[in-house]
Amino acid sequence: MNFKKLTDQAKAAIDKRGGTEALKGDLAGLKDVAKGKGTFKEKAQAAKDSLNKPGATPTAGGMPPTRATPATEATPPTVQTQPPTAQDLPPRG
């Protein structure tokens, strides 16, 4: 068995789908399908469709499509630069 040829084919398949980040997205999509509602047949069809179309968002059993947010698109936390005023504090009661 030629392991170099096998690893080269695996690398080519990953690159063809968009690299390791796209592979992680595919995995997240498949996890969503598996955890979602719907029959096994609907989930299997959604998983098949998801893998046939790299970057597609899977849907199964009427689930709304989901999209994993990469860390680069995450919203940074809001930083308060001034101390809170009386208007900013909740009322006491």
N, C-alpha and C. Protein backbone atom coordinates (compact mmCIF):
# COMPACT_ATOMS: atom_id res chain seq x y z
N MET A 1 0.85 -1.17 0.00
CA MET A 1 0.00 0.00 0.00
C MET A 1 0.89 1.24 0.00
N ASN A 2 0.57 2.19 -0.86
CA ASN A 2 1.37 3.40 -0.99
C ASN A 2 0.74 4.50 -0.15
N PHE A 3 1.29 4.73 1.05
CA PHE A 3 0.71 5.72 1.97
C PHE A 3 0.93 7.15 1.49
N LYS A 4 2.03 7.40 0.79
CA LYS A 4 2.26 8.75 0.28
C LYS A 4 1.18 9.12 -0.73
N LYS A 5 0.85 8.20 -1.60
CA LYS A 5 -0.20 8.46 -2.59
C LYS A 5 -1.54 8.69 -1.88
N LEU A 6 -1.82 7.90 -0.86
CA LEU A 6 -3.06 8.03 -0.10
C LEU A 6 -3.15 9.40 0.60
N THR A 7 -2.05 9.83 1.23
CA THR A 7 -2.05 11.13 1.90
C THR A 7 -2.16 12.27 0.89
N ASP A 8 -1.52 12.13 -0.26
CA ASP A 8 -1.62 13.15 -1.30
C ASP A 8 -3.07 13.27 -1.80
N GLN A 9 -3.75 12.13 -1.95
CA GLN A 9 -5.15 12.16 -2.39
C GLN A 9 -6.04 12.81 -1.33
N ALA A 10 -5.77 12.53 -0.06
CA ALA A 10 -6.55 13.13 1.02
C ALA A 10 -6.34 14.64 1.05
N LYS A 11 -5.10 15.08 0.91
CA LYS A 11 -4.80 16.52 0.88
C LYS A 11 -5.48 17.19 -0.30
N ALA A 12 -5.46 16.54 -1.45
CA ALA A 12 -6.10 17.10 -2.64
C ALA A 12 -7.61 17.22 -2.44
N ALA A 13 -8.22 16.23 -1.82
CA ALA A 13 -9.67 16.26 -1.57
C ALA A 13 -10.02 17.40 -0.61
N ILE A 14 -9.21 17.60 0.42
CA ILE A 14 -9.46 18.67 1.39
C ILE A 14 -9.29 20.02 0.71
N ASP A 15 -8.25 20.18 -0.08
CA ASP A 15 -8.02 21.43 -0.79
C ASP A 15 -9.14 21.72 -1.79
N LYS A 16 -9.66 20.69 -2.43
CA LYS A 16 -10.73 20.84 -3.40
C LYS A 16 -12.01 21.37 -2.73
N ARG A 17 -12.24 20.97 -1.48
CA ARG A 17 -13.44 21.42 -0.74
C ARG A 17 -13.25 22.79 -0.12
N GLY A 18 -12.04 23.34 -0.13
CA GLY A 18 -11.84 24.68 0.40
C GLY A 18 -10.89 24.75 1.58
N GLY A 19 -10.18 23.69 1.88
CA GLY A 19 -9.21 23.71 2.96
C GLY A 19 -9.78 23.22 4.29
N THR A 20 -8.96 23.31 5.31
CA THR A 20 -9.35 22.76 6.60
C THR A 20 -10.47 23.57 7.26
N GLU A 21 -10.51 24.89 7.03
CA GLU A 21 -11.59 25.70 7.61
C GLU A 21 -12.93 25.30 7.02
N ALA A 22 -12.98 25.05 5.72
CA ALA A 22 -14.22 24.60 5.09
C ALA A 22 -14.60 23.22 5.61
N LEU A 23 -13.61 22.39 5.87
CA LEU A 23 -13.87 21.06 6.42
C LEU A 23 -14.50 21.16 7.82
N LYS A 24 -14.00 22.11 8.62
CA LYS A 24 -14.58 22.33 9.94
C LYS A 24 -16.03 22.83 9.82
N GLY A 25 -16.28 23.69 8.83
CA GLY A 25 -17.64 24.17 8.60
C GLY A 25 -18.57 23.05 8.18
N ASP A 26 -18.06 22.14 7.33
CA ASP A 26 -18.86 20.99 6.92
C ASP A 26 -19.22 20.13 8.14
N LEU A 27 -18.26 19.94 9.02
CA LEU A 27 -18.51 19.14 10.22
C LEU A 27 -19.56 19.81 11.10
N ALA A 28 -19.46 21.12 11.26
CA ALA A 28 -20.45 21.84 12.07
C ALA A 28 -21.84 21.71 11.45
N GLY A 29 -21.92 21.77 10.13
CA GLY A 29 -23.20 21.62 9.45
C GLY A 29 -23.79 20.24 9.65
N LEU A 30 -22.95 19.23 9.58
CA LEU A 30 -23.42 17.86 9.79
C LEU A 30 -23.88 17.65 11.23
N LYS A 31 -23.20 18.29 12.18
CA LYS A 31 -23.62 18.19 13.58
C LYS A 31 -25.00 18.83 13.76
N ASP A 32 -25.22 19.97 13.09
CA ASP A 32 -26.52 20.63 13.17
C ASP A 32 -27.62 19.74 12.61
N VAL A 33 -27.33 19.07 11.50
CA VAL A 33 -28.32 18.18 10.89
C VAL A 33 -28.63 17.02 11.84
N ALA A 34 -27.59 16.44 12.43
CA ALA A 34 -27.79 15.30 13.31
C ALA A 34 -28.60 15.67 14.56
N LYS A 35 -28.39 16.87 15.09
CA LYS A 35 -29.09 17.28 16.30
C LYS A 35 -30.46 17.87 16.01
N GLY A 36 -30.73 18.21 14.77
CA GLY A 36 -31.98 18.88 14.42
C GLY A 36 -33.17 17.94 14.38
N LYS A 37 -34.32 18.54 14.08
CA LYS A 37 -35.55 17.77 13.99
C LYS A 37 -35.68 17.18 12.61
N GLY A 38 -36.51 16.18 12.50
CA GLY A 38 -36.75 15.53 11.22
C GLY A 38 -36.51 14.05 11.31
N THR A 39 -36.99 13.35 10.30
CA THR A 39 -36.80 11.91 10.26
C THR A 39 -35.37 11.58 9.86
N PHE A 40 -35.01 10.34 10.07
CA PHE A 40 -33.67 9.90 9.69
C PHE A 40 -33.46 10.10 8.19
N LYS A 41 -34.47 9.82 7.41
CA LYS A 41 -34.37 9.96 5.96
C LYS A 41 -34.15 11.43 5.57
N GLU A 42 -34.86 12.35 6.22
CA GLU A 42 -34.69 13.78 5.93
C GLU A 42 -33.29 14.25 6.33
N LYS A 43 -32.82 13.76 7.47
CA LYS A 43 -31.48 14.14 7.92
C LYS A 43 -30.41 13.60 6.98
N ALA A 44 -30.59 12.36 6.52
CA ALA A 44 -29.62 11.77 5.60
C ALA A 44 -29.58 12.55 4.29
N GLN A 45 -30.75 12.96 3.80
CA GLN A 45 -30.81 13.73 2.56
C GLN A 45 -30.14 15.10 2.74
N ALA A 46 -30.41 15.75 3.87
CA ALA A 46 -29.80 17.04 4.15
C ALA A 46 -28.28 16.92 4.26
N ALA A 47 -27.81 15.86 4.91
CA ALA A 47 -26.36 15.65 5.04
C ALA A 47 -25.73 15.41 3.67
N LYS A 48 -26.40 14.62 2.84
CA LYS A 48 -25.90 14.35 1.49
C LYS A 48 -25.83 15.64 0.68
N ASP A 49 -26.89 16.44 0.73
CA ASP A 49 -26.90 17.70 0.01
C ASP A 49 -25.80 18.63 0.50
N SER A 50 -25.60 18.64 1.81
CA SER A 50 -24.57 19.50 2.40
C SER A 50 -23.18 19.10 1.91
N LEU A 51 -22.91 17.82 1.86
CA LEU A 51 -21.58 17.37 1.44
C LEU A 51 -21.38 17.48 -0.06
N ASN A 52 -22.46 17.42 -0.83
CA ASN A 52 -22.34 17.56 -2.28
C ASN A 52 -22.08 18.99 -2.70
N LYS A 53 -22.47 19.95 -1.85
CA LYS A 53 -22.29 21.37 -2.16
C LYS A 53 -21.45 22.00 -1.06
N PRO A 54 -20.15 22.09 -1.23
CA PRO A 54 -19.32 22.70 -0.20
C PRO A 54 -19.77 24.13 0.09
N GLY A 55 -19.89 24.45 1.36
CA GLY A 55 -20.31 25.78 1.75
C GLY A 55 -21.81 25.94 1.86
N ALA A 56 -22.60 24.93 1.49
CA ALA A 56 -24.05 25.02 1.58
C ALA A 56 -24.47 24.84 3.03
N THR A 57 -25.58 25.47 3.39
CA THR A 57 -26.10 25.30 4.74
C THR A 57 -27.16 24.22 4.72
N PRO A 58 -27.00 23.17 5.51
CA PRO A 58 -27.95 22.07 5.48
C PRO A 58 -29.26 22.41 6.16
N THR A 59 -30.34 21.81 5.67
CA THR A 59 -31.63 21.92 6.33
C THR A 59 -32.24 20.53 6.40
N ALA A 60 -32.88 20.24 7.50
CA ALA A 60 -33.53 18.93 7.64
C ALA A 60 -34.81 19.11 8.41
N GLY A 61 -35.88 18.55 7.93
CA GLY A 61 -37.14 18.57 8.64
C GLY A 61 -37.64 19.96 8.95
N GLY A 62 -37.40 20.90 8.04
CA GLY A 62 -37.90 22.24 8.25
C GLY A 62 -37.04 23.09 9.17
N MET A 63 -35.86 22.60 9.53
CA MET A 63 -34.97 23.40 10.37
C MET A 63 -34.54 24.63 9.58
N PRO A 64 -34.44 25.77 10.23
CA PRO A 64 -33.91 26.92 9.52
C PRO A 64 -32.42 26.71 9.25
N PRO A 65 -31.91 27.19 8.13
CA PRO A 65 -30.48 27.01 7.86
C PRO A 65 -29.66 27.75 8.90
N THR A 66 -28.53 27.16 9.25
CA THR A 66 -27.63 27.79 10.22
C THR A 66 -26.28 27.99 9.56
N ARG A 67 -25.54 28.91 10.13
CA ARG A 67 -24.21 29.18 9.62
C ARG A 67 -23.30 29.42 10.80
N ALA A 68 -22.22 28.68 10.86
CA ALA A 68 -21.26 28.86 11.94
C ALA A 68 -20.52 30.17 11.71
N THR A 69 -20.35 30.96 12.75
CA THR A 69 -19.65 32.22 12.64
C THR A 69 -18.18 31.99 12.96
N PRO A 70 -17.30 32.20 12.00
CA PRO A 70 -15.88 32.04 12.28
C PRO A 70 -15.41 33.07 13.29
N ALA A 71 -14.33 32.79 13.96
CA ALA A 71 -13.80 33.69 14.98
C ALA A 71 -13.47 35.05 14.40
N THR A 72 -13.13 35.14 13.11
CA THR A 72 -12.77 36.41 12.51
C THR A 72 -13.98 37.32 12.36
N GLU A 73 -15.20 36.78 12.36
CA GLU A 73 -16.40 37.58 12.21
C GLU A 73 -17.06 37.88 13.55
N ALA A 74 -16.48 37.43 14.64
CA ALA A 74 -17.08 37.64 15.94
C ALA A 74 -17.07 39.12 16.30
N THR A 75 -18.11 39.58 16.94
CA THR A 75 -18.20 40.97 17.35
C THR A 75 -17.36 41.16 18.61
N PRO A 76 -16.50 42.17 18.60
CA PRO A 76 -15.68 42.39 19.79
C PRO A 76 -16.54 42.88 20.95
N PRO A 77 -16.13 42.60 22.17
CA PRO A 77 -16.92 43.05 23.31
C PRO A 77 -16.93 44.58 23.40
N THR A 78 -18.03 45.13 23.89
CA THR A 78 -18.15 46.56 24.06
C THR A 78 -17.39 46.98 25.31
N VAL A 79 -16.56 47.98 25.15
CA VAL A 79 -15.76 48.47 26.27
C VAL A 79 -16.32 49.82 26.67
N GLN A 80 -16.66 49.98 27.94
CA GLN A 80 -17.18 51.24 28.44
C GLN A 80 -15.99 52.10 28.83
N THR A 81 -15.90 53.29 28.24
CA THR A 81 -14.75 54.15 28.49
C THR A 81 -14.99 55.14 29.62
N GLN A 82 -16.26 55.42 29.96
CA GLN A 82 -16.57 56.36 31.03
C GLN A 82 -17.31 55.63 32.13
N PRO A 83 -17.19 56.11 33.37
CA PRO A 83 -17.94 55.46 34.45
C PRO A 83 -19.44 55.64 34.23
N PRO A 84 -20.26 54.72 34.75
CA PRO A 84 -21.70 54.83 34.54
C PRO A 84 -22.28 56.05 35.27
N THR A 85 -23.28 56.64 34.66
CA THR A 85 -23.98 57.76 35.30
C THR A 85 -25.23 57.21 35.98
N ALA A 86 -25.95 58.07 36.65
CA ALA A 86 -27.17 57.65 37.34
C ALA A 86 -28.20 57.13 36.35
N GLN A 87 -28.18 57.63 35.12
CA GLN A 87 -29.12 57.17 34.09
C GLN A 87 -28.81 55.75 33.62
N ASP A 88 -27.55 55.36 33.70
CA ASP A 88 -27.12 54.05 33.24
C ASP A 88 -27.43 52.94 34.26
N LEU A 89 -27.59 53.30 35.53
CA LEU A 89 -27.79 52.29 36.57
C LEU A 89 -29.25 51.90 36.65
N PRO A 90 -29.54 50.63 37.02
CA PRO A 90 -30.94 50.21 37.18
C PRO A 90 -31.54 50.89 38.39
N PRO A 91 -32.87 51.09 38.37
CA PRO A 91 -33.51 51.74 39.52
C PRO A 91 -33.48 50.84 40.75
N ARG A 92 -33.37 51.47 41.90
CA ARG A 92 -33.42 50.70 43.15
C ARG A 92 -34.85 50.54 43.57
N GLY A 93 -35.14 49.47 44.16
CA GLY A 93 -36.52 49.36 44.52
C GLY A 93 -36.82 48.31 45.43
